[in-house]
């Protein structure tokens, strides 16, 4: 992470995890046919966040985020209540 983003209260900053461009059957998908990722890696958490920590992979509600582009990197801001689950370790 090139820029330090410090979220407030119940907000979480995460980097979207890119989906594979190839399907299970071996077909390559063009960019416009891919689904937006709903999985992300947590970068930092606000002081009121209790259920996730930096480094966790999360699943979140697709339309509940704020997208931010900073120093050439893309991040999402999502409220803790819009995080659906963490993905195994």
Protein backbone atom coordinates (compact mmCIF):
# COMPACT_ATOMS: atom_id res chain seq x y z
CA UNK A 1 0.00 0.00 0.00
CA UNK A 2 1.63 3.21 -1.13
CA UNK A 3 -0.67 5.63 0.72
CA UNK A 4 -1.79 5.30 4.32
CA UNK A 5 -5.56 5.43 4.68
CA UNK A 6 -6.87 5.46 8.23
CA UNK A 7 -10.60 4.71 8.41
CA UNK A 8 -12.81 6.23 11.08
CA UNK A 9 -15.23 4.49 13.49
CA UNK A 10 -16.83 1.38 11.91
CA UNK A 11 -15.24 1.71 8.46
CA UNK A 12 -12.83 -0.80 6.88
CA UNK A 13 -10.34 -0.12 4.06
CA UNK A 14 -9.71 -3.09 1.76
CA UNK A 15 -8.17 -3.97 -1.61
CA UNK A 16 -10.49 -5.83 -4.01
CA UNK A 17 -9.27 -9.33 -4.89
CA UNK A 18 -9.31 -9.84 -8.65
CA UNK A 19 -11.29 -12.76 -10.02
CA UNK A 20 -9.79 -15.23 -12.46
CA UNK A 21 -10.11 -14.30 -16.13
CA UNK A 22 -10.47 -17.99 -17.00
CA UNK A 23 -13.57 -20.08 -16.28
CA UNK A 24 -13.48 -23.59 -14.82
CA UNK A 25 -13.97 -25.01 -18.32
CA UNK A 26 -10.92 -23.12 -19.64
CA UNK A 27 -12.60 -20.19 -21.43
CA UNK A 28 -11.12 -16.72 -21.05
CA UNK A 29 -13.57 -13.94 -20.20
CA UNK A 30 -13.30 -10.42 -21.60
CA UNK A 31 -13.18 -7.59 -19.02
CA UNK A 32 -16.79 -6.53 -19.64
CA UNK A 33 -18.10 -10.06 -18.92
CA UNK A 34 -16.43 -10.41 -15.52
CA UNK A 35 -18.40 -9.92 -12.34
CA UNK A 36 -17.19 -7.25 -9.97
CA UNK A 37 -15.31 -8.83 -7.10
CA UNK A 38 -17.12 -9.14 -3.79
CA UNK A 39 -14.03 -10.36 -2.01
CA UNK A 40 -11.32 -8.10 -0.64
CA UNK A 41 -8.26 -8.12 1.61
CA UNK A 42 -8.52 -5.85 4.66
CA UNK A 43 -5.81 -3.17 4.78
CA UNK A 44 -6.86 -1.22 7.88
CA UNK A 45 -9.82 -0.94 10.24
CA UNK A 46 -11.46 1.85 12.21
CA UNK A 47 -11.29 1.97 16.00
CA UNK A 48 -14.84 0.62 16.47
CA UNK A 49 -14.40 -2.47 14.25
CA UNK A 50 -14.41 -5.68 16.29
CA UNK A 51 -14.98 -8.61 13.92
CA UNK A 52 -12.20 -8.22 11.31
CA UNK A 53 -8.55 -7.21 11.36
CA UNK A 54 -5.85 -6.24 8.86
CA UNK A 55 -4.93 -9.12 6.55
CA UNK A 56 -8.34 -10.84 6.68
CA UNK A 57 -10.12 -11.68 3.43
CA UNK A 58 -13.75 -10.60 3.50
CA UNK A 59 -16.95 -11.02 1.50
CA UNK A 60 -19.07 -7.88 1.36
CA UNK A 61 -22.35 -6.61 -0.06
CA UNK A 62 -21.69 -5.67 -3.68
CA UNK A 63 -23.32 -2.22 -3.73
CA UNK A 64 -22.44 -1.08 -0.21
CA UNK A 65 -18.92 0.21 -0.78
CA UNK A 66 -17.22 3.45 -1.68
CA UNK A 67 -14.47 3.00 -4.26
CA UNK A 68 -11.31 5.10 -3.97
CA UNK A 69 -8.33 5.35 -6.30
CA UNK A 70 -5.23 6.70 -4.58
CA UNK A 71 -1.66 6.77 -5.90
CA UNK A 72 -2.56 4.35 -8.70
CA UNK A 73 -4.08 1.73 -6.38
CA UNK A 74 -7.76 0.91 -5.95
CA UNK A 75 -9.34 0.55 -2.51
CA UNK A 76 -12.83 0.14 -1.15
CA UNK A 77 -14.32 1.57 2.02
CA UNK A 78 -17.01 -0.61 3.57
CA UNK A 79 -18.87 -0.42 6.88
CA UNK A 80 -18.38 -3.35 9.22
CA UNK A 81 -22.12 -4.08 9.13
CA UNK A 82 -21.91 -4.64 5.33
CA UNK A 83 -19.23 -7.34 5.69
CA UNK A 84 -20.93 -10.70 5.26
CA UNK A 85 -18.13 -13.11 6.15
CA UNK A 86 -14.42 -13.73 6.39
CA UNK A 87 -12.79 -16.25 4.06
CA UNK A 88 -10.79 -19.11 5.64
CA UNK A 89 -7.17 -19.09 6.63
